[in-house]
Amino acid sequence: MYEVTIKKSFAAAHILKEIGGKCEDLHGHNFLVEVTVAGDRLNDEEILIDFRDLKRWTNEILEELDHKYLNEVEAFRDVNPSSERVAKHIHDRLVPLVQAANLRVAGVTVWESDNARVTYRP
């Protein structure tokens, strides 16, 4: 099994309702996102995937979140836009792109600070 991981970042604000504490107030993060894709076979170029392709796909998804109030983004209108939900959203958006390359999304990790992260693995 081969795995390839890239890192990208975006900035956004959110409110987490009904969890108590300061997170119920408007606040923001400089999120760091790690995306890992996996597969059993290398392609004709002897690589799992071109880093540029994975970065481009991830950038397209993050562009929809960057400098946004996440509570107003369609994907989060009915749920708390927690880091857990952000990781799953990124995963779900990447799946069809990665599957077209005969790979799978092994995990998406979202860091909301230097010492707090979540990971979604299917």
PDB file of N, CA and C in Angstrom:
ATOM      1  N   MET A   1       0.845  -1.176   0.000  1.00  0.00           N
ATOM      2  CA  MET A   1       0.000   0.000   0.000  1.00  0.00           C
ATOM      3  C   MET A   1       0.889   1.237   0.000  1.00  0.00           C
ATOM      4  N   TYR A   2       0.598   2.156  -0.915  1.00  0.00           N
ATOM      5  CA  TYR A   2       1.290   3.439  -0.978  1.00  0.00           C
ATOM      6  C   TYR A   2       0.349   4.526  -0.479  1.00  0.00           C
ATOM      7  N   GLU A   3       0.913   5.529   0.169  1.00  0.00           N
ATOM      8  CA  GLU A   3       0.150   6.697   0.598  1.00  0.00           C
ATOM      9  C   GLU A   3       0.893   7.958   0.195  1.00  0.00           C
ATOM     10  N   VAL A   4       0.127   8.942  -0.234  1.00  0.00           N
ATOM     11  CA  VAL A   4       0.661  10.261  -0.559  1.00  0.00           C
ATOM     12  C   VAL A   4      -0.131  11.267   0.265  1.00  0.00           C
ATOM     13  N   THR A   5       0.573  12.196   0.916  1.00  0.00           N
ATOM     14  CA  THR A   5      -0.069  13.212   1.747  1.00  0.00           C
ATOM     15  C   THR A   5       0.379  14.591   1.309  1.00  0.00           C
ATOM     16  N   ILE A   6      -0.587  15.514   1.236  1.00  0.00           N
ATOM     17  CA  ILE A   6      -0.284  16.918   0.976  1.00  0.00           C
ATOM     18  C   ILE A   6      -0.852  17.764   2.104  1.00  0.00           C
ATOM     19  N   LYS A   7      -0.313  18.970   2.257  1.00  0.00           N
ATOM     20  CA  LYS A   7      -0.808  19.921   3.248  1.00  0.00           C
ATOM     21  C   LYS A   7      -1.211  21.200   2.542  1.00  0.00           C
ATOM     22  N   LYS A   8      -2.343  21.744   2.942  1.00  0.00           N
ATOM     23  CA  LYS A   8      -2.827  23.028   2.444  1.00  0.00           C
ATOM     24  C   LYS A   8      -3.449  23.753   3.619  1.00  0.00           C
ATOM     25  N   SER A   9      -3.751  25.039   3.454  1.00  0.00           N
ATOM     26  CA  SER A   9      -4.353  25.788   4.547  1.00  0.00           C
ATOM     27  C   SER A   9      -5.429  26.731   4.031  1.00  0.00           C
ATOM     28  N   PHE A  10      -6.282  27.140   4.957  1.00  0.00           N
ATOM     29  CA  PHE A  10      -7.288  28.153   4.667  1.00  0.00           C
ATOM     30  C   PHE A  10      -7.674  28.824   5.977  1.00  0.00           C
ATOM     31  N   ALA A  11      -8.265  29.996   5.876  1.00  0.00           N
ATOM     32  CA  ALA A  11      -8.721  30.737   7.048  1.00  0.00           C
ATOM     33  C   ALA A  11     -10.235  30.884   6.964  1.00  0.00           C
ATOM     34  N   ALA A  12     -10.904  30.705   8.092  1.00  0.00           N
ATOM     35  CA  ALA A  12     -12.364  30.829   8.112  1.00  0.00           C
ATOM     36  C   ALA A  12     -12.829  31.088   9.535  1.00  0.00           C
ATOM     37  N   ALA A  13     -14.072  31.554   9.632  1.00  0.00           N
ATOM     38  CA  ALA A  13     -14.699  31.802  10.928  1.00  0.00           C
ATOM     39  C   ALA A  13     -15.915  30.913  11.077  1.00  0.00           C
ATOM     40  N   HIS A  14     -16.294  30.670  12.331  1.00  0.00           N
ATOM     41  CA  HIS A  14     -17.506  29.888  12.592  1.00  0.00           C
ATOM     42  C   HIS A  14     -17.989  30.132  14.013  1.00  0.00           C
ATOM     43  N   ILE A  15     -19.204  29.658  14.243  1.00  0.00           N
ATOM     44  CA  ILE A  15     -19.797  29.600  15.571  1.00  0.00           C
ATOM     45  C   ILE A  15     -20.236  28.160  15.779  1.00  0.00           C
ATOM     46  N   LEU A  16     -19.874  27.572  16.912  1.00  0.00           N
ATOM     47  CA  LEU A  16     -20.312  26.222  17.241  1.00  0.00           C
ATOM     48  C   LEU A  16     -21.412  26.339  18.286  1.00  0.00           C
ATOM     49  N   LYS A  17     -22.615  26.012  17.884  1.00  0.00           N
ATOM     50  CA  LYS A  17     -23.788  26.198  18.742  1.00  0.00           C
ATOM     51  C   LYS A  17     -23.961  25.049  19.714  1.00  0.00           C
ATOM     52  N   GLU A  18     -24.437  25.385  20.910  1.00  0.00           N
ATOM     53  CA  GLU A  18     -24.860  24.419  21.925  1.00  0.00           C
ATOM     54  C   GLU A  18     -23.762  23.489  22.416  1.00  0.00           C
ATOM     55  N   ILE A  19     -22.504  23.976  22.385  1.00  0.00           N
ATOM     56  CA  ILE A  19     -21.435  23.146  22.947  1.00  0.00           C
ATOM     57  C   ILE A  19     -20.869  23.765  24.227  1.00  0.00           C
ATOM     58  N   GLY A  20     -21.273  25.003  24.502  1.00  0.00           N
ATOM     59  CA  GLY A  20     -20.797  25.684  25.703  1.00  0.00           C
ATOM     60  C   GLY A  20     -19.458  26.353  25.485  1.00  0.00           C
ATOM     61  N   GLY A  21     -19.191  27.363  26.267  1.00  0.00           N
ATOM     62  CA  GLY A  21     -17.898  28.022  26.243  1.00  0.00           C
ATOM     63  C   GLY A  21     -17.732  29.040  25.123  1.00  0.00           C
ATOM     64  N   LYS A  22     -16.487  29.465  24.956  1.00  0.00           N
ATOM     65  CA  LYS A  22     -16.151  30.519  24.004  1.00  0.00           C
ATOM     66  C   LYS A  22     -16.415  30.143  22.554  1.00  0.00           C
ATOM     67  N   CYS A  23     -16.445  28.869  22.246  1.00  0.00           N
ATOM     68  CA  CYS A  23     -16.659  28.453  20.853  1.00  0.00           C
ATOM     69  C   CYS A  23     -18.061  28.781  20.354  1.00  0.00           C
ATOM     70  N   GLU A  24     -18.950  29.148  21.278  1.00  0.00           N
ATOM     71  CA  GLU A  24     -20.283  29.583  20.865  1.00  0.00           C
ATOM     72  C   GLU A  24     -20.261  31.028  20.383  1.00  0.00           C
ATOM     73  N   ASP A  25     -19.148  31.717  20.577  1.00  0.00           N
ATOM     74  CA  ASP A  25     -18.979  33.071  20.053  1.00  0.00           C
ATOM     75  C   ASP A  25     -18.297  32.977  18.690  1.00  0.00           C
ATOM     76  N   LEU A  26     -18.525  33.986  17.871  1.00  0.00           N
ATOM     77  CA  LEU A  26     -17.863  34.044  16.576  1.00  0.00           C
ATOM     78  C   LEU A  26     -16.348  34.042  16.777  1.00  0.00           C
ATOM     79  N   HIS A  27     -15.673  33.138  16.093  1.00  0.00           N
ATOM     80  CA  HIS A  27     -14.215  33.067  16.174  1.00  0.00           C
ATOM     81  C   HIS A  27     -13.687  32.433  14.891  1.00  0.00           C
ATOM     82  N   GLY A  28     -12.397  32.546  14.680  1.00  0.00           N
ATOM     83  CA  GLY A  28     -11.815  32.024  13.454  1.00  0.00           C
ATOM     84  C   GLY A  28     -10.568  31.210  13.706  1.00  0.00           C
ATOM     85  N   HIS A  29     -10.160  30.519  12.647  1.00  0.00           N
ATOM     86  CA  HIS A  29      -8.962  29.680  12.695  1.00  0.00           C
ATOM     87  C   HIS A  29      -8.198  29.825  11.392  1.00  0.00           C
ATOM     88  N   ASN A  30      -6.909  29.623  11.482  1.00  0.00           N
ATOM     89  CA  ASN A  30      -6.097  29.366  10.304  1.00  0.00           C
ATOM     90  C   ASN A  30      -5.946  27.854  10.251  1.00  0.00           C
ATOM     91  N   PHE A  31      -6.834  27.218   9.505  1.00  0.00           N
ATOM     92  CA  PHE A  31      -6.888  25.764   9.439  1.00  0.00           C
ATOM     93  C   PHE A  31      -5.739  25.227   8.585  1.00  0.00           C
ATOM     94  N   LEU A  32      -5.154  24.130   9.020  1.00  0.00           N
ATOM     95  CA  LEU A  32      -4.187  23.378   8.228  1.00  0.00           C
ATOM     96  C   LEU A  32      -4.845  22.053   7.889  1.00  0.00           C
ATOM     97  N   VAL A  33      -4.815  21.683   6.623  1.00  0.00           N
ATOM     98  CA  VAL A  33      -5.482  20.470   6.158  1.00  0.00           C
ATOM     99  C   VAL A  33      -4.445  19.526   5.575  1.00  0.00           C
ATOM    100  N   GLU A  34      -4.484  18.270   6.005  1.00  0.00           N
ATOM    101  CA  GLU A  34      -3.651  17.217   5.434  1.00  0.00           C
ATOM    102  C   GLU A  34      -4.578  16.222   4.753  1.00  0.00           C
ATOM    103  N   VAL A  35      -4.294  15.942   3.502  1.00  0.00           N
ATOM    104  CA  VAL A  35      -5.080  14.974   2.737  1.00  0.00           C
ATOM    105  C   VAL A  35      -4.160  13.822   2.365  1.00  0.00           C
ATOM    106  N   THR A  36      -4.595  12.597   2.678  1.00  0.00           N
ATOM    107  CA  THR A  36      -3.826  11.402   2.339  1.00  0.00           C
ATOM    108  C   THR A  36      -4.652  10.527   1.416  1.00  0.00           C
ATOM    109  N   VAL A  37      -4.049  10.153   0.281  1.00  0.00           N
ATOM    110  CA  VAL A  37      -4.680   9.197  -0.633  1.00  0.00           C
ATOM    111  C   VAL A  37      -3.829   7.939  -0.662  1.00  0.00           C
ATOM    112  N   ALA A  38      -4.475   6.820  -0.955  1.00  0.00           N
ATOM    113  CA  ALA A  38      -3.786   5.528  -0.899  1.00  0.00           C
ATOM    114  C   ALA A  38      -4.153   4.677  -2.101  1.00  0.00           C
ATOM    115  N   GLY A  39      -3.245   3.773  -2.421  1.00  0.00           N
ATOM    116  CA  GLY A  39      -3.486   2.817  -3.490  1.00  0.00           C
ATOM    117  C   GLY A  39      -2.431   1.723  -3.467  1.00  0.00           C
ATOM    118  N   ASP A  40      -2.739   0.648  -4.168  1.00  0.00           N
ATOM    119  CA  ASP A  40      -1.842  -0.504  -4.187  1.00  0.00           C
ATOM    120  C   ASP A  40      -0.828  -0.476  -5.324  1.00  0.00           C
ATOM    121  N   ARG A  41      -1.138   0.290  -6.368  1.00  0.00           N
ATOM    122  CA  ARG A  41      -0.301   0.243  -7.567  1.00  0.00           C
ATOM    123  C   ARG A  41       0.147   1.629  -7.991  1.00  0.00           C
ATOM    124  N   LEU A  42       1.363   1.689  -8.490  1.00  0.00           N
ATOM    125  CA  LEU A  42       1.867   2.917  -9.076  1.00  0.00           C
ATOM    126  C   LEU A  42       1.377   3.013 -10.522  1.00  0.00           C
ATOM    127  N   ASN A  43       1.298   4.229 -11.033  1.00  0.00           N
ATOM    128  CA  ASN A  43       0.845   4.417 -12.409  1.00  0.00           C
ATOM    129  C   ASN A  43       1.995   4.215 -13.392  1.00  0.00           C
ATOM    130  N   ASP A  44       1.755   4.521 -14.652  1.00  0.00           N
ATOM    131  CA  ASP A  44       2.775   4.311 -15.688  1.00  0.00           C
ATOM    132  C   ASP A  44       4.030   5.152 -15.473  1.00  0.00           C
ATOM    133  N   GLU A  45       3.888   6.254 -14.733  1.00  0.00           N
ATOM    134  CA  GLU A  45       5.040   7.112 -14.429  1.00  0.00           C
ATOM    135  C   GLU A  45       5.760   6.659 -13.159  1.00  0.00           C
ATOM    136  N   GLU A  46       5.303   5.541 -12.577  1.00  0.00           N
ATOM    137  CA  GLU A  46       5.896   4.985 -11.357  1.00  0.00           C
ATOM    138  C   GLU A  46       5.655   5.858 -10.129  1.00  0.00           C
ATOM    139  N   ILE A  47       4.516   6.556 -10.125  1.00  0.00           N
ATOM    140  CA  ILE A  47       4.094   7.319  -8.955  1.00  0.00           C
ATOM    141  C   ILE A  47       2.656   6.922  -8.626  1.00  0.00           C
ATOM    142  N   LEU A  48       2.258   7.157  -7.391  1.00  0.00           N
ATOM    143  CA  LEU A  48       0.877   6.876  -7.010  1.00  0.00           C
ATOM    144  C   LEU A  48      -0.042   7.921  -7.614  1.00  0.00           C
ATOM    145  N   ILE A  49       0.312   9.192  -7.423  1.00  0.00           N
ATOM    146  CA  ILE A  49      -0.446  10.321  -7.964  1.00  0.00           C
ATOM    147  C   ILE A  49       0.497  11.506  -8.041  1.00  0.00           C
ATOM    148  N   ASP A  50       0.266  12.354  -8.992  1.00  0.00           N
ATOM    149  CA  ASP A  50       1.049  13.578  -9.103  1.00  0.00           C
ATOM    150  C   ASP A  50       0.623  14.518  -7.966  1.00  0.00           C
ATOM    151  N   PHE A  51       1.569  14.960  -7.165  1.00  0.00           N
ATOM    152  CA  PHE A  51       1.263  15.886  -6.073  1.00  0.00           C
ATOM    153  C   PHE A  51       0.469  17.084  -6.584  1.00  0.00           C
ATOM    154  N   ARG A  52       0.813  17.557  -7.784  1.00  0.00           N
ATOM    155  CA  ARG A  52       0.141  18.744  -8.330  1.00  0.00           C
ATOM    156  C   ARG A  52      -1.349  18.505  -8.506  1.00  0.00           C
ATOM    157  N   ASP A  53      -1.731  17.310  -8.940  1.00  0.00           N
ATOM    158  CA  ASP A  53      -3.158  17.011  -9.111  1.00  0.00           C
ATOM    159  C   ASP A  53      -3.876  17.027  -7.770  1.00  0.00           C
ATOM    160  N   LEU A  54      -3.305  16.361  -6.768  1.00  0.00           N
ATOM    161  CA  LEU A  54      -3.938  16.309  -5.455  1.00  0.00           C
ATOM    162  C   LEU A  54      -4.015  17.707  -4.837  1.00  0.00           C
ATOM    163  N   LYS A  55      -2.981  18.509  -5.004  1.00  0.00           N
ATOM    164  CA  LYS A  55      -3.000  19.882  -4.495  1.00  0.00           C
ATOM    165  C   LYS A  55      -4.068  20.708  -5.207  1.00  0.00           C
ATOM    166  N   ARG A  56      -4.174  20.567  -6.510  1.00  0.00           N
ATOM    167  CA  ARG A  56      -5.166  21.328  -7.277  1.00  0.00           C
ATOM    168  C   ARG A  56      -6.585  20.986  -6.837  1.00  0.00           C
ATOM    169  N   TRP A  57      -6.876  19.690  -6.709  1.00  0.00           N
ATOM    170  CA  TRP A  57      -8.212  19.270  -6.286  1.00  0.00           C
ATOM    171  C   TRP A  57      -8.536  19.798  -4.887  1.00  0.00           C
ATOM    172  N   THR A  58      -7.557  19.697  -3.992  1.00  0.00           N
ATOM    173  CA  THR A  58      -7.766  20.170  -2.627  1.00  0.00           C
ATOM    174  C   THR A  58      -7.946  21.683  -2.606  1.00  0.00           C
ATOM    175  N   ASN A  59      -7.151  22.401  -3.379  1.00  0.00           N
ATOM    176  CA  ASN A  59      -7.286  23.860  -3.454  1.00  0.00           C
ATOM    177  C   ASN A  59      -8.677  24.274  -3.925  1.00  0.00           C
ATOM    178  N   GLU A  60      -9.221  23.558  -4.895  1.00  0.00           N
ATOM    179  CA  GLU A  60     -10.553  23.884  -5.405  1.00  0.00           C
ATOM    180  C   GLU A  60     -11.604  23.772  -4.305  1.00  0.00           C
ATOM    181  N   ILE A  61     -11.482  22.775  -3.467  1.00  0.00           N
ATOM    182  CA  ILE A  61     -12.427  22.586  -2.362  1.00  0.00           C
ATOM    183  C   ILE A  61     -12.208  23.647  -1.291  1.00  0.00           C
ATOM    184  N   LEU A  62     -10.955  23.899  -0.932  1.00  0.00           N
ATOM    185  CA  LEU A  62     -10.661  24.857   0.119  1.00  0.00           C
ATOM    186  C   LEU A  62     -10.998  26.277  -0.296  1.00  0.00           C
ATOM    187  N   GLU A  63     -10.946  26.565  -1.578  1.00  0.00           N
ATOM    188  CA  GLU A  63     -11.300  27.901  -2.061  1.00  0.00           C
ATOM    189  C   GLU A  63     -12.741  28.245  -1.697  1.00  0.00           C
ATOM    190  N   GLU A  64     -13.607  27.239  -1.646  1.00  0.00           N
ATOM    191  CA  GLU A  64     -15.006  27.453  -1.281  1.00  0.00           C
ATOM    192  C   GLU A  64     -15.166  27.765   0.217  1.00  0.00           C
ATOM    193  N   LEU A  65     -14.147  27.461   1.009  1.00  0.00           N
ATOM    194  CA  LEU A  65     -14.193  27.673   2.460  1.00  0.00           C
ATOM    195  C   LEU A  65     -13.333  28.845   2.916  1.00  0.00           C
ATOM    196  N   ASP A  66     -12.342  29.198   2.124  1.00  0.00           N
ATOM    197  CA  ASP A  66     -11.359  30.189   2.536  1.00  0.00           C
ATOM    198  C   ASP A  66     -11.977  31.571   2.715  1.00  0.00           C
ATOM    199  N   HIS A  67     -11.690  32.167   3.863  1.00  0.00           N
ATOM    200  CA  HIS A  67     -12.186  33.493   4.229  1.00  0.00           C
ATOM    201  C   HIS A  67     -13.704  33.573   4.201  1.00  0.00           C
ATOM    202  N   LYS A  68     -14.332  32.489   4.641  1.00  0.00           N
ATOM    203  CA  LYS A  68     -15.790  32.424   4.699  1.00  0.00           C
ATOM    204  C   LYS A  68     -16.237  32.262   6.147  1.00  0.00           C
ATOM    205  N   TYR A  69     -17.504  32.609   6.369  1.00  0.00           N
ATOM    206  CA  TYR A  69     -18.189  32.314   7.618  1.00  0.00           C
ATOM    207  C   TYR A  69     -18.819  30.940   7.391  1.00  0.00           C
ATOM    208  N   LEU A  70     -18.235  29.908   7.961  1.00  0.00           N
ATOM    209  CA  LEU A  70     -18.606  28.532   7.636  1.00  0.00           C
ATOM    210  C   LEU A  70     -20.076  28.231   7.915  1.00  0.00           C
ATOM    211  N   ASN A  71     -20.673  28.890   8.887  1.00  0.00           N
ATOM    212  CA  ASN A  71     -22.084  28.652   9.197  1.00  0.00           C
ATOM    213  C   ASN A  71     -22.979  28.989   8.009  1.00  0.00           C
ATOM    214  N   GLU A  72     -22.504  29.826   7.096  1.00  0.00           N
ATOM    215  CA  GLU A  72     -23.294  30.212   5.927  1.00  0.00           C
ATOM    216  C   GLU A  72     -22.942  29.437   4.671  1.00  0.00           C
ATOM    217  N   VAL A  73     -21.944  28.566   4.732  1.00  0.00           N
ATOM    218  CA  VAL A  73     -21.598  27.716   3.593  1.00  0.00           C
ATOM    219  C   VAL A  73     -22.648  26.616   3.493  1.00  0.00           C
ATOM    220  N   GLU A  74     -23.150  26.370   2.298  1.00  0.00           N
ATOM    221  CA  GLU A  74     -24.262  25.431   2.094  1.00  0.00           C
ATOM    222  C   GLU A  74     -24.045  24.090   2.798  1.00  0.00           C
ATOM    223  N   ALA A  75     -22.851  23.548   2.746  1.00  0.00           N
ATOM    224  CA  ALA A  75     -22.579  22.226   3.328  1.00  0.00           C
ATOM    225  C   ALA A  75     -22.790  22.188   4.842  1.00  0.00           C
ATOM    226  N   PHE A  76     -22.764  23.362   5.498  1.00  0.00           N
ATOM    227  CA  PHE A  76     -22.846  23.410   6.960  1.00  0.00           C
ATOM    228  C   PHE A  76     -24.080  24.151   7.465  1.00  0.00           C
ATOM    229  N   ARG A  77     -25.003  24.464   6.602  1.00  0.00           N
ATOM    230  CA  ARG A  77     -26.175  25.255   7.018  1.00  0.00           C
ATOM    231  C   ARG A  77     -26.995  24.571   8.106  1.00  0.00           C
ATOM    232  N   ASP A  78     -27.071  23.255   8.091  1.00  0.00           N
ATOM    233  CA  ASP A  78     -27.912  22.529   9.045  1.00  0.00           C
ATOM    234  C   ASP A  78     -27.129  21.788  10.122  1.00  0.00           C
ATOM    235  N   VAL A  79     -25.800  21.983  10.162  1.00  0.00           N
ATOM    236  CA  VAL A  79     -24.958  21.303  11.146  1.00  0.00           C
ATOM    237  C   VAL A  79     -23.923  22.287  11.685  1.00  0.00           C
ATOM    238  N   ASN A  80     -23.386  21.992  12.844  1.00  0.00           N
ATOM    239  CA  ASN A  80     -22.278  22.782  13.367  1.00  0.00           C
ATOM    240  C   ASN A  80     -21.066  22.601  12.452  1.00  0.00           C
ATOM    241  N   PRO A  81     -20.463  23.691  11.999  1.00  0.00           N
ATOM    242  CA  PRO A  81     -19.291  23.579  11.128  1.00  0.00           C
ATOM    243  C   PRO A  81     -18.013  23.306  11.931  1.00  0.00           C
ATOM    244  N   SER A  82     -18.021  22.195  12.622  1.00  0.00           N
ATOM    245  CA  SER A  82     -16.876  21.798  13.449  1.00  0.00           C
ATOM    246  C   SER A  82     -15.743  21.314  12.550  1.00  0.00           C
ATOM    247  N   SER A  83     -14.577  21.191  13.114  1.00  0.00           N
ATOM    248  CA  SER A  83     -13.443  20.649  12.358  1.00  0.00           C
ATOM    249  C   SER A  83     -13.741  19.236  11.879  1.00  0.00           C
ATOM    250  N   GLU A  84     -14.495  18.482  12.685  1.00  0.00           N
ATOM    251  CA  GLU A  84     -14.889  17.134  12.266  1.00  0.00           C
ATOM    252  C   GLU A  84     -15.722  17.183  10.985  1.00  0.00           C
ATOM    253  N   ARG A  85     -16.686  18.103  10.948  1.00  0.00           N
ATOM    254  CA  ARG A  85     -17.544  18.249   9.764  1.00  0.00           C
ATOM    255  C   ARG A  85     -16.754  18.773   8.565  1.00  0.00           C
ATOM    256  N   VAL A  86     -15.809  19.671   8.817  1.00  0.00           N
ATOM    257  CA  VAL A  86     -14.977  20.185   7.737  1.00  0.00           C
ATOM    258  C   VAL A  86     -14.147  19.054   7.125  1.00  0.00           C
ATOM    259  N   ALA A  87     -13.554  18.214   7.965  1.00  0.00           N
ATOM    260  CA  ALA A  87     -12.757  17.087   7.467  1.00  0.00           C
ATOM    261  C   ALA A  87     -13.607  16.139   6.620  1.00  0.00           C
ATOM    262  N   LYS A  88     -14.800  15.823   7.078  1.00  0.00           N
ATOM    263  CA  LYS A  88     -15.686  14.924   6.314  1.00  0.00           C
ATOM    264  C   LYS A  88     -16.108  15.570   5.003  1.00  0.00           C
ATOM    265  N   HIS A  89     -16.404  16.852   5.026  1.00  0.00           N
ATOM    266  CA  HIS A  89     -16.790  17.568   3.806  1.00  0.00           C
ATOM    267  C   HIS A  89     -15.672  17.504   2.763  1.00  0.00           C
ATOM    268  N   ILE A  90     -14.453  17.790   3.185  1.00  0.00           N
ATOM    269  CA  ILE A  90     -13.313  17.734   2.261  1.00  0.00           C
ATOM    270  C   ILE A  90     -13.166  16.320   1.717  1.00  0.00           C
ATOM    271  N   HIS A  91     -13.252  15.338   2.592  1.00  0.00           N
ATOM    272  CA  HIS A  91     -13.178  13.940   2.162  1.00  0.00           C
ATOM    273  C   HIS A  91     -14.225  13.637   1.090  1.00  0.00           C
ATOM    274  N   ASP A  92     -15.464  13.960   1.385  1.00  0.00           N
ATOM    275  CA  ASP A  92     -16.558  13.616   0.476  1.00  0.00           C
ATOM    276  C   ASP A  92     -16.414  14.301  -0.877  1.00  0.00           C
ATOM    277  N   ARG A  93     -15.905  15.507  -0.889  1.00  0.00           N
ATOM    278  CA  ARG A  93     -15.708  16.220  -2.147  1.00  0.00           C
ATOM    279  C   ARG A  93     -14.543  15.638  -2.946  1.00  0.00           C
ATOM    280  N   LEU A  94     -13.542  15.089  -2.254  1.00  0.00           N
ATOM    281  CA  LEU A  94     -12.376  14.524  -2.939  1.00  0.00           C
ATOM    282  C   LEU A  94     -12.623  13.132  -3.506  1.00  0.00           C
ATOM    283  N   VAL A  95     -13.519  12.384  -2.899  1.00  0.00           N
ATOM    284  CA  VAL A  95     -13.709  10.978  -3.273  1.00  0.00           C
ATOM    285  C   VAL A  95     -13.881  10.767  -4.783  1.00  0.00           C
ATOM    286  N   PRO A  96     -14.808  11.458  -5.457  1.00  0.00           N
ATOM    287  CA  PRO A  96     -14.970  11.171  -6.886  1.00  0.00           C
ATOM    288  C   PRO A  96     -13.739  11.516  -7.717  1.00  0.00           C
ATOM    289  N   LEU A  97     -13.002  12.542  -7.326  1.00  0.00           N
ATOM    290  CA  LEU A  97     -11.796  12.917  -8.067  1.00  0.00           C
ATOM    291  C   LEU A  97     -10.714  11.865  -7.906  1.00  0.00           C
ATOM    292  N   VAL A  98     -10.551  11.393  -6.690  1.00  0.00           N
ATOM    293  CA  VAL A  98      -9.509  10.412  -6.391  1.00  0.00           C
ATOM    294  C   VAL A  98      -9.883   9.041  -6.954  1.00  0.00           C
ATOM    295  N   GLN A  99     -11.155   8.690  -6.873  1.00  0.00           N
ATOM    296  CA  GLN A  99     -11.593   7.400  -7.427  1.00  0.00           C
ATOM    297  C   GLN A  99     -11.355   7.331  -8.924  1.00  0.00           C
ATOM    298  N   ALA A 100     -11.475   8.452  -9.614  1.00  0.00           N
ATOM    299  CA  ALA A 100     -11.230   8.481 -11.060  1.00  0.00           C
ATOM    300  C   ALA A 100      -9.780   8.116 -11.370  1.00  0.00           C
ATOM    301  N   ALA A 101      -8.891   8.303 -10.398  1.00  0.00           N
ATOM    302  CA  ALA A 101      -7.480   7.920 -10.550  1.00  0.00           C
ATOM    303  C   ALA A 101      -7.216   6.540  -9.960  1.00  0.00           C
ATOM    304  N   ASN A 102      -8.297   5.793  -9.670  1.00  0.00           N
ATOM    305  CA  ASN A 102      -8.202   4.445  -9.091  1.00  0.00           C
ATOM    306  C   ASN A 102      -7.497   4.432  -7.738  1.00  0.00           C
ATOM    307  N   LEU A 103      -7.746   5.478  -6.942  1.00  0.00           N
ATOM    308  CA  LEU A 103      -7.183   5.578  -5.603  1.00  0.00           C
ATOM    309  C   LEU A 103      -8.316   5.794  -4.615  1.00  0.00           C
ATOM    310  N   ARG A 104      -7.978   5.836  -3.331  1.00  0.00           N
ATOM    311  CA  ARG A 104      -8.984   6.135  -2.312  1.00  0.00           C
ATOM    312  C   ARG A 104      -8.439   7.197  -1.364  1.00  0.00           C
ATOM    313  N   VAL A 105      -9.354   7.956  -0.783  1.00  0.00           N
ATOM    314  CA  VAL A 105      -8.966   8.948   0.221  1.00  0.00           C
ATOM    315  C   VAL A 105      -8.813   8.189   1.536  1.00  0.00           C
ATOM    316  N   ALA A 106      -7.596   8.099   2.020  1.00  0.00           N
ATOM    317  CA  ALA A 106      -7.317   7.346   3.243  1.00  0.00           C
ATOM    318  C   ALA A 106      -7.649   8.146   4.493  1.00  0.00           C
ATOM    319  N   GLY A 107      -7.589   9.478   4.399  1.00  0.00           N
ATOM    320  CA  GLY A 107      -7.903  10.295   5.555  1.00  0.00           C
ATOM    321  C   GLY A 107      -7.725  11.767   5.269  1.00  0.00           C
ATOM    322  N   VAL A 108      -8.468  12.561   6.012  1.00  0.00           N
ATOM    323  CA  VAL A 108      -8.338  14.023   5.967  1.00  0.00           C
ATOM    324  C   VAL A 108      -8.193  14.503   7.402  1.00  0.00           C
ATOM    325  N   THR A 109      -7.110  15.205   7.672  1.00  0.00           N
ATOM    326  CA  THR A 109      -6.863  15.768   8.998  1.00  0.00           C
ATOM    327  C   THR A 109      -6.988  17.285   8.919  1.00  0.00           C
ATOM    328  N   VAL A 110      -7.719  17.849   9.861  1.00  0.00           N
ATOM    329  CA  VAL A 110      -7.899  19.293   9.942  1.00  0.00           C
ATOM    330  C   VAL A 110      -7.356  19.759  11.289  1.00  0.00           C
ATOM    331  N   TRP A 111      -6.357  20.617  11.222  1.00  0.00           N
ATOM    332  CA  TRP A 111      -5.788  21.251  12.413  1.00  0.00           C
ATOM    333  C   TRP A 111      -6.451  22.606  12.559  1.00  0.00           C
ATOM    334  N   GLU A 112      -7.026  22.897  13.724  1.00  0.00           N
ATOM    335  CA  GLU A 112      -7.587  24.228  13.940  1.00  0.00           C
ATOM    336  C   GLU A 112      -6.660  25.090  14.786  1.00  0.00           C
ATOM    337  N   SER A 113      -5.638  24.481  15.341  1.00  0.00           N
ATOM    338  CA  SER A 113      -4.584  25.203  16.049  1.00  0.00           C
ATOM    339  C   SER A 113      -3.345  24.320  16.036  1.00  0.00           C
ATOM    340  N   ASP A 114      -2.266  24.829  16.597  1.00  0.00           N
ATOM    341  CA  ASP A 114      -1.019  24.057  16.626  1.00  0.00           C
ATOM    342  C   ASP A 114      -1.121  22.784  17.449  1.00  0.00           C
ATOM    343  N   ASN A 115      -2.126  22.720  18.334  1.00  0.00           N
ATOM    344  CA  ASN A 115      -2.194  21.564  19.225  1.00  0.00           C
ATOM    345  C   ASN A 115      -3.575  20.914  19.265  1.00  0.00           C
ATOM    346  N   ALA A 116      -4.382  21.132  18.228  1.00  0.00           N
ATOM    347  CA  ALA A 116      -5.713  20.524  18.195  1.00  0.00           C
ATOM    348  C   ALA A 116      -6.059  20.142  16.766  1.00  0.00           C
ATOM    349  N   ARG A 117      -6.333  18.851  16.555  1.00  0.00           N
ATOM    350  CA  ARG A 117      -6.655  18.369  15.217  1.00  0.00           C
ATOM    351  C   ARG A 117      -7.711  17.289  15.295  1.00  0.00           C
ATOM    352  N   VAL A 118      -8.356  17.055  14.151  1.00  0.00           N
ATOM    353  CA  VAL A 118      -9.270  15.935  13.994  1.00  0.00           C
ATOM    354  C   VAL A 118      -8.898  15.236  12.698  1.00  0.00           C
ATOM    355  N   THR A 119      -9.195  13.952  12.631  1.00  0.00           N
ATOM    356  CA  THR A 119      -8.973  13.187  11.403  1.00  0.00           C
ATOM    357  C   THR A 119     -10.227  12.419  11.076  1.00  0.00           C
ATOM    358  N   TYR A 120     -10.623  12.485   9.804  1.00  0.00           N
ATOM    359  CA  TYR A 120     -11.718  11.652   9.313  1.00  0.00           C
ATOM    360  C   TYR A 120     -11.125  10.598   8.393  1.00  0.00           C
ATOM    361  N   ARG A 121     -11.425   9.331   8.713  1.00  0.00           N
ATOM    362  CA  ARG A 121     -11.040   8.203   7.864  1.00  0.00           C
ATOM    363  C   ARG A 121     -12.301   7.430   7.525  1.00  0.00           C
ATOM    364  N   PRO A 122     -12.502   7.126   6.271  1.00  0.00           N
ATOM    365  CA  PRO A 122     -13.727   6.368   5.910  1.00  0.00           C
ATOM    366  C   PRO A 122     -13.691   4.944   6.450  1.00  0.00           C
TER     367      PRO A 122
END
